[in-house]
Protein backbone atom coordinates (compact mmCIF):
# COMPACT_ATOMS: atom_id res chain seq x y z
CA MET A 1 92.27 71.75 -27.09
CA MET A 2 93.83 74.08 -29.53
CA LYS A 3 97.67 74.36 -29.27
CA LEU A 4 98.61 77.92 -30.00
CA ASN A 5 102.41 77.63 -30.89
CA GLU A 6 104.61 80.54 -31.78
CA GLY A 7 104.00 80.04 -35.57
CA PHE A 8 100.22 80.41 -34.96
CA LEU A 9 100.78 83.55 -32.97
CA ASN A 10 103.00 85.02 -35.70
CA SER A 11 100.28 84.37 -38.33
CA MET A 12 97.89 86.29 -36.11
CA HIS A 13 100.32 89.15 -35.95
CA GLN A 14 100.69 89.00 -39.80
CA ALA A 15 96.85 88.97 -40.11
CA MET A 16 96.61 92.24 -37.96
CA THR A 17 99.09 93.86 -40.25
CA LEU A 18 97.29 92.90 -43.39
CA LEU A 19 94.04 94.16 -41.88
CA ARG A 20 95.53 97.53 -41.67
CA THR A 21 97.52 97.56 -44.97
CA HIS A 22 95.35 95.65 -47.29
CA GLY A 23 91.91 94.47 -45.97
CA PRO A 24 89.76 91.82 -44.35
CA ALA A 25 90.03 89.40 -47.31
CA GLU A 26 93.84 89.09 -47.14
CA ALA A 27 93.84 88.89 -43.25
CA THR A 28 91.24 86.24 -43.35
CA GLU A 29 93.18 84.09 -45.77
CA VAL A 30 96.19 84.17 -43.38
CA VAL A 31 94.03 83.25 -40.39
CA GLN A 32 92.33 80.35 -42.24
CA ARG A 33 95.68 78.94 -43.28
CA ALA A 34 96.95 79.18 -39.76
CA LEU A 35 93.81 77.35 -38.36
CA ARG A 36 94.39 74.57 -40.83
CA GLU A 37 97.88 74.08 -39.60
CA VAL A 38 96.97 73.99 -35.99
CA THR A 39 96.90 70.45 -34.41
CA VAL A 40 93.88 69.75 -32.31
CA SER A 41 94.06 67.23 -29.33
CA GLU A 42 91.22 64.87 -28.99
CA ALA A 43 92.28 63.52 -25.67
CA ARG A 44 89.26 64.90 -23.85
CA PRO A 45 86.72 67.75 -24.13
CA THR A 46 87.99 71.31 -23.19
CA THR A 47 86.39 72.56 -20.10
CA LEU A 48 84.91 76.14 -19.84
CA ARG A 49 87.56 76.96 -17.34
CA GLU A 50 90.32 75.79 -19.93
CA LYS A 51 88.65 77.70 -22.68
CA ALA A 52 88.90 80.82 -20.56
CA GLN A 53 92.75 80.28 -20.56
CA ILE A 54 93.16 79.88 -24.25
CA PRO A 55 94.93 83.08 -25.59
CA VAL A 56 93.18 84.47 -28.68
CA VAL A 57 94.98 87.36 -30.28
CA PHE A 58 92.56 89.87 -31.58
CA PRO A 59 93.23 93.03 -33.66
CA PHE A 60 91.33 95.63 -31.69
CA ALA A 61 94.38 96.73 -29.79
CA GLU A 62 96.86 97.22 -32.52
CA THR A 63 94.35 98.85 -34.97
CA GLN A 64 92.80 101.42 -32.56
CA SER A 65 93.28 105.09 -33.26
CA LYS A 66 96.01 107.11 -31.52
CA GLN A 67 94.95 108.69 -28.27
CA VAL A 68 93.57 112.28 -28.88
CA PRO A 69 95.75 114.97 -27.31
CA ALA A 70 94.83 116.29 -23.84
CA ARG A 71 92.57 119.28 -23.25
CA LYS A 72 91.63 121.25 -20.18
CA LEU A 73 89.46 119.23 -17.93
CA ARG A 74 85.88 120.22 -17.43
CA GLU A 75 85.54 122.41 -14.35
CA ASP A 76 82.45 120.52 -13.08
CA VAL A 77 84.33 117.20 -12.78
CA ILE A 78 84.40 115.94 -9.10
CA ASP A 79 87.68 114.82 -7.77
CA ILE A 80 86.73 111.30 -7.15
CA GLU A 81 89.88 110.49 -5.39
CA THR A 82 88.76 112.34 -2.31
CA ARG A 83 85.13 111.30 -2.28
CA GLY A 84 83.75 107.87 -2.97
CA HIS A 85 85.33 104.43 -2.38
CA PHE A 86 86.91 102.57 -5.45
CA SER A 87 87.86 98.97 -4.40
CA THR A 88 89.02 95.81 -6.10
CA ARG A 89 86.84 92.72 -5.74
CA ALA A 90 86.92 89.22 -7.53
CA TYR A 91 84.16 86.85 -8.59
CA ALA A 92 84.56 83.21 -9.73
CA ASN A 93 82.36 80.55 -11.19
CA ALA A 94 82.73 77.44 -13.42
CA ALA A 95 83.76 79.63 -16.46
CA GLY A 96 86.73 81.15 -14.54
CA ARG A 97 87.50 84.15 -12.32
CA ARG A 98 87.58 87.83 -12.89
CA GLN A 99 88.61 90.76 -10.87
CA TYR A 100 86.39 93.95 -11.05
CA LYS A 101 86.49 97.42 -9.34
CA LEU A 102 83.47 98.93 -7.78
CA TYR A 103 82.98 102.62 -7.16
CA VAL A 104 80.58 103.51 -4.26
CA PRO A 105 79.67 107.14 -3.89
CA ALA A 106 80.42 108.89 -0.60
CA ASP A 107 77.85 109.74 2.20
CA LEU A 108 75.27 107.16 1.35
CA GLU A 109 72.01 107.51 3.12
CA GLY A 110 70.46 104.01 2.48
CA GLU A 111 68.56 104.90 -0.65
CA PRO A 112 68.44 102.18 -3.23
CA LEU A 113 71.01 103.09 -5.98
CA PRO A 114 71.35 102.52 -9.70
CA LEU A 115 74.17 100.17 -10.79
CA ILE A 116 76.09 100.73 -14.09
CA VAL A 117 78.42 97.99 -15.33
CA MET A 118 81.20 99.26 -17.55
CA LEU A 119 83.18 96.95 -19.92
CA HIS A 120 86.62 98.28 -21.10
CA GLY A 121 88.00 97.96 -24.56
CA CYS A 122 91.12 96.10 -25.63
CA THR A 123 94.41 96.96 -23.80
CA GLN A 124 92.46 98.85 -21.15
CA ASP A 125 91.72 98.00 -17.47
CA ALA A 126 89.30 99.29 -14.77
CA ASP A 127 91.48 102.23 -13.76
CA ASP A 128 92.07 103.37 -17.31
CA PHE A 129 88.43 103.10 -18.38
CA ALA A 130 87.20 104.92 -15.21
CA ALA A 131 89.76 107.75 -15.90
CA GLY A 132 88.74 108.11 -19.63
CA THR A 133 84.95 107.97 -19.12
CA GLN A 134 84.87 109.86 -15.89
CA MET A 135 81.71 107.76 -14.97
CA ASN A 136 82.80 107.60 -11.36
CA ALA A 137 82.60 111.44 -11.26
CA LEU A 138 79.04 111.24 -12.66
CA ALA A 139 78.09 108.45 -10.37
CA GLU A 140 79.15 110.57 -7.31
CA ARG A 141 76.96 113.45 -8.55
CA HIS A 142 73.89 111.27 -9.42
CA ARG A 143 74.26 108.64 -6.74
CA CYS A 144 75.11 105.51 -8.67
CA LEU A 145 77.27 102.51 -8.18
CA VAL A 146 79.68 101.74 -11.01
CA ALA A 147 81.38 98.39 -11.60
CA TYR A 148 84.40 97.65 -13.97
CA PRO A 149 84.97 93.95 -14.73
CA VAL A 150 88.47 93.31 -15.78
CA GLN A 151 89.49 91.08 -18.64
CA PRO A 152 92.88 89.55 -17.87
CA ARG A 153 95.68 88.72 -20.33
CA GLN A 154 95.25 84.97 -19.50
CA ALA A 155 91.82 85.13 -21.25
CA ASN A 156 93.03 87.32 -24.16
CA PRO A 157 96.58 88.54 -24.69
CA SER A 158 95.14 92.06 -25.62
CA LYS A 159 92.76 92.06 -22.80
CA CYS A 160 89.81 92.03 -25.17
CA TRP A 161 86.42 90.61 -24.14
CA ASN A 162 85.97 87.52 -26.43
CA TRP A 163 82.75 88.71 -28.04
CA PHE A 164 83.57 86.79 -31.20
CA LYS A 165 83.68 83.32 -29.62
CA THR A 166 80.44 81.32 -29.63
CA ASP A 167 80.89 80.15 -26.07
CA ASP A 168 81.22 83.69 -24.85
CA GLN A 169 77.99 84.95 -26.60
CA GLN A 170 75.47 82.81 -24.64
CA ARG A 171 73.51 83.16 -21.39
CA GLU A 172 75.12 81.45 -18.28
CA ARG A 173 78.20 80.34 -20.34
CA GLY A 174 81.63 81.82 -20.64
CA GLU A 175 82.26 85.43 -20.02
CA PRO A 176 78.54 86.46 -20.11
CA SER A 177 78.12 84.31 -17.02
CA LEU A 178 81.03 86.00 -15.37
CA ILE A 179 79.74 89.49 -16.08
CA ALA A 180 76.34 88.57 -14.97
CA GLY A 181 77.68 86.97 -11.88
CA ILE A 182 79.57 90.01 -10.83
CA THR A 183 76.43 92.08 -11.41
CA ARG A 184 74.29 89.79 -9.26
CA GLU A 185 76.91 89.77 -6.55
CA ILE A 186 77.03 93.51 -6.29
CA ILE A 187 73.18 93.57 -6.18
CA ALA A 188 73.24 91.09 -3.39
CA ALA A 189 75.88 92.91 -1.33
CA HIS A 190 74.53 96.54 -1.73
CA ASN A 191 71.35 98.37 -1.73
CA VAL A 192 70.82 98.28 -5.53
CA ASP A 193 67.70 99.19 -7.10
CA PRO A 194 66.94 96.10 -9.36
CA ALA A 195 64.89 98.15 -11.92
CA ARG A 196 67.93 100.41 -12.50
CA VAL A 197 70.68 98.07 -13.49
CA TYR A 198 72.53 98.97 -16.62
CA ILE A 199 75.49 97.89 -18.85
CA ALA A 200 77.71 99.80 -21.25
CA GLY A 201 81.00 99.25 -23.03
CA MET A 202 83.54 100.52 -25.50
CA SER A 203 84.86 98.60 -28.60
CA ALA A 204 85.15 94.96 -27.58
CA GLY A 205 83.51 95.98 -24.30
CA GLY A 206 80.66 97.52 -26.31
CA ALA A 207 80.23 94.35 -28.40
CA MET A 208 80.12 92.35 -25.13
CA ALA A 209 77.49 94.88 -23.71
CA ALA A 210 75.35 94.24 -26.73
CA ILE A 211 75.58 90.50 -25.90
CA MET A 212 74.72 91.05 -22.37
CA ILE A 213 71.64 93.03 -22.89
CA ALA A 214 70.43 90.40 -25.50
CA ALA A 215 71.06 87.56 -23.14
CA TYR A 216 70.07 89.11 -20.03
CA PRO A 217 67.02 91.41 -20.58
CA ASP A 218 65.81 90.46 -17.12
CA LEU A 219 68.97 91.59 -15.42
CA TYR A 220 69.75 94.94 -17.28
CA ALA A 221 67.31 97.72 -17.85
CA ALA A 222 69.11 99.31 -20.72
CA ALA A 223 72.50 99.19 -22.44
CA GLY A 224 75.11 101.72 -23.84
CA VAL A 225 77.27 100.65 -26.81
CA HIS A 226 80.10 102.85 -27.91
CA SER A 227 82.12 101.90 -31.07
CA GLY A 228 80.96 98.32 -30.80
CA LEU A 229 79.20 95.59 -32.71
CA PRO A 230 75.86 93.76 -32.67
CA ALA A 231 75.48 90.47 -30.74
CA GLY A 232 75.96 87.42 -32.94
CA CYS A 233 77.81 89.16 -35.80
CA ALA A 234 80.83 86.88 -35.55
CA HIS A 235 81.69 83.29 -34.50
CA ASP A 236 85.42 83.30 -35.00
CA LEU A 237 88.32 85.55 -35.87
CA PRO A 238 87.81 85.60 -39.65
CA SER A 239 84.11 86.59 -39.36
CA ALA A 240 85.05 89.10 -36.51
CA LEU A 241 87.65 90.84 -38.80
CA ALA A 242 84.95 91.02 -41.58
CA ALA A 243 82.38 92.43 -39.25
CA MET A 244 84.66 95.08 -37.84
CA LYS A 245 85.28 96.39 -41.38
CA GLY A 246 81.65 96.54 -42.02
CA GLY A 247 81.48 93.62 -44.45
CA LYS A 248 78.81 91.05 -44.94
CA ARG A 249 78.71 88.31 -42.46
CA ARG A 250 78.47 85.16 -44.38
CA GLY A 251 77.83 81.88 -42.52
CA VAL A 252 77.23 83.71 -39.23
CA LYS A 253 74.21 82.47 -37.30
CA ARG A 254 72.13 85.51 -36.40
CA ASP A 255 70.14 85.32 -33.21
CA THR A 256 69.57 89.15 -33.02
CA GLU A 257 67.49 90.05 -36.15
CA SER A 258 64.60 91.21 -33.86
CA SER A 259 64.78 94.51 -32.05
CA PRO A 260 66.43 94.56 -28.69
CA GLN A 261 64.03 93.91 -25.74
CA GLN A 262 65.62 96.72 -23.68
CA PRO A 263 66.41 100.35 -24.40
CA LEU A 264 69.77 100.90 -26.10
CA ILE A 265 71.92 104.01 -26.63
CA VAL A 266 74.54 103.74 -29.41
CA PHE A 267 77.67 105.99 -30.05
CA HIS A 268 79.94 105.72 -33.00
CA GLY A 269 82.45 108.07 -34.91
CA ASP A 270 82.10 107.90 -38.70
CA ALA A 271 85.91 108.18 -38.97
CA ASP A 272 86.49 104.86 -36.93
CA THR A 273 88.91 102.76 -38.89
CA THR A 274 88.89 99.89 -36.34
CA VAL A 275 85.10 99.30 -36.19
CA HIS A 276 83.28 100.54 -39.18
CA VAL A 277 80.38 102.87 -38.40
CA ALA A 278 77.84 100.59 -40.30
CA ASN A 279 77.84 98.46 -37.08
CA ALA A 280 76.02 101.31 -35.20
CA ALA A 281 72.91 100.85 -37.35
CA ARG A 282 73.16 97.08 -37.21
CA LEU A 283 72.73 97.36 -33.51
CA LEU A 284 69.26 98.69 -33.98
CA PRO A 285 67.37 96.36 -36.29
CA GLY A 286 63.61 97.21 -36.42
CA PHE A 287 63.99 100.65 -34.99
CA GLU A 288 62.65 103.82 -36.67
CA VAL A 289 63.03 107.43 -36.00
CA ARG A 290 60.32 108.22 -33.35
CA PRO A 291 57.04 109.76 -35.18
CA GLY A 292 56.85 113.39 -34.63
CA THR A 293 60.59 113.95 -34.19
CA ARG A 294 63.42 114.77 -36.41
CA ILE A 295 67.01 113.65 -36.69
CA GLU A 296 68.86 116.39 -34.66
CA GLU A 297 71.91 117.99 -35.96
CA ARG A 298 73.99 119.39 -33.25
CA SER A 299 76.76 121.92 -34.19
CA GLY A 300 80.28 121.63 -32.94
CA ALA A 301 80.43 124.94 -31.02
CA ALA A 302 83.42 125.95 -28.96
CA GLY A 303 85.84 123.46 -30.48
CA ARG A 304 83.52 120.47 -30.07
CA ARG A 305 82.64 117.96 -32.60
CA ALA A 306 79.26 118.09 -34.28
CA CYS A 307 76.91 115.06 -34.03
CA THR A 308 73.81 113.62 -35.29
CA VAL A 309 71.20 112.24 -32.80
CA SER A 310 68.34 110.05 -33.85
CA ARG A 311 65.79 109.23 -31.14
CA MET A 312 64.16 106.01 -32.14
CA VAL A 313 61.51 103.40 -31.22
CA SER A 314 60.77 99.76 -32.08
CA ALA A 315 57.42 98.38 -32.92
CA ASP A 316 57.24 97.02 -29.41
CA GLY A 317 57.79 100.49 -28.03
CA VAL A 318 61.37 100.15 -26.90
CA ASP A 319 63.39 103.36 -27.00
CA ALA A 320 66.87 103.78 -28.53
CA GLU A 321 69.23 106.69 -29.43
CA LEU A 322 71.85 106.59 -32.12
CA TRP A 323 74.63 109.28 -31.98
CA THR A 324 76.81 109.53 -34.99
CA ILE A 325 79.85 111.80 -34.78
CA PRO A 326 81.28 112.99 -38.03
CA GLY A 327 85.15 112.81 -38.09
CA ALA A 328 85.50 110.99 -34.77
CA PRO A 329 87.87 108.11 -34.38
CA HIS A 330 87.78 104.90 -32.49
CA ALA A 331 87.54 106.63 -29.08
CA TRP A 332 85.13 107.27 -26.15
CA ALA A 333 83.44 110.74 -27.15
CA GLY A 334 83.86 113.52 -24.55
CA GLY A 335 86.18 111.39 -22.59
CA ASN A 336 89.06 112.63 -20.41
CA ALA A 337 92.57 112.38 -21.89
CA ARG A 338 93.82 110.77 -18.70
CA GLY A 339 92.39 107.58 -20.01
CA SER A 340 93.39 105.77 -23.36
CA TYR A 341 91.30 105.90 -26.58
CA THR A 342 89.20 109.06 -25.72
CA ASP A 343 88.17 111.97 -27.79
CA PRO A 344 87.79 115.04 -25.49
CA THR A 345 86.24 117.12 -28.29
CA GLY A 346 83.38 114.80 -28.80
CA PRO A 347 79.83 115.06 -27.22
CA ASP A 348 79.75 113.84 -23.62
CA ALA A 349 78.99 110.11 -24.04
CA SER A 350 79.20 109.28 -20.36
CA ALA A 351 76.68 112.01 -19.45
CA GLU A 352 74.31 111.21 -22.23
CA MET A 353 74.39 107.50 -21.35
CA LEU A 354 73.81 108.09 -17.79
CA ARG A 355 70.83 110.48 -18.68
CA PHE A 356 69.44 107.82 -21.02
CA PHE A 357 69.80 105.15 -18.39
CA LEU A 358 68.19 107.06 -15.50
CA ASP A 359 65.24 107.79 -17.87
CA HIS A 360 64.73 104.16 -18.63
CA PRO A 361 64.16 101.96 -15.46
CA LYS A 362 63.12 98.44 -16.08
CA ARG A 363 59.47 98.20 -17.38
């Protein structure tokens, strides 16, 4: 089991600083030197539960853009504090334990409901992500359940999902098994339509959402990735740093060269200095703009950002949408400033994701 002493953690912080000020090559050199100096105990194999407790410092949190100033809230947003029920639950399996919050709309009449699983970014939690995305308000209006799994500091000091670790990239192992377990628990306990179960995430959460839709196409009907990265693009911290900067991923085993098996909607700002916008296109290998359609250029009227929307399809007939937002930072587009890392001037990513999801029940 890796022994992360104070010197190792200091080296990780130094790598974060170099990533911002110099680039991934210098940061990677520091990380590799630190890893060579770490002593590895060979007393016994490390269990999945122990691996979930190994703190891994990851630079998402310290390199994210500053929060966008607040603006007037949309008049049509429902006051969720006086409507549905937002409660804290917990799920555990051999990989560990995770809390999650579940939003249940008010005045249910017994109809089967869609379920959306939302994965927060680094330094965030369920309440912060719910406030920023306003997904609960949309769920109240459109009659959906929304779940927010929570990554604790014990699993990652910055509360990042560990999308760059091999054991957390595979079906029924590590964090994917926990997220899938939470999803299945909600399906079993509530009247969920199994054909309308979706997953979405921001930043590290977006990268984990890409892993989940690749690993569990039988569980999720579609996915939304905001400012994230493709599944399998990294296997450790140095390769993660390189992928985040849009660099080539040498020595990384790629299990996702084929097109996604389920529909995918992707949002990314081209001024994102944390996760390079090149990762947006890398999420959609094998997709082409749908025949008979054009790439749509939406103007930024009334103080909103312009955006480019590409409606795409794979050779297997799977739909995808790619939303590129000029000038937008590493932040949830159209989000509410009550949450961290939001860009209120962007297109409404939450509404567009929900629209895309509800248009794509499982085939």
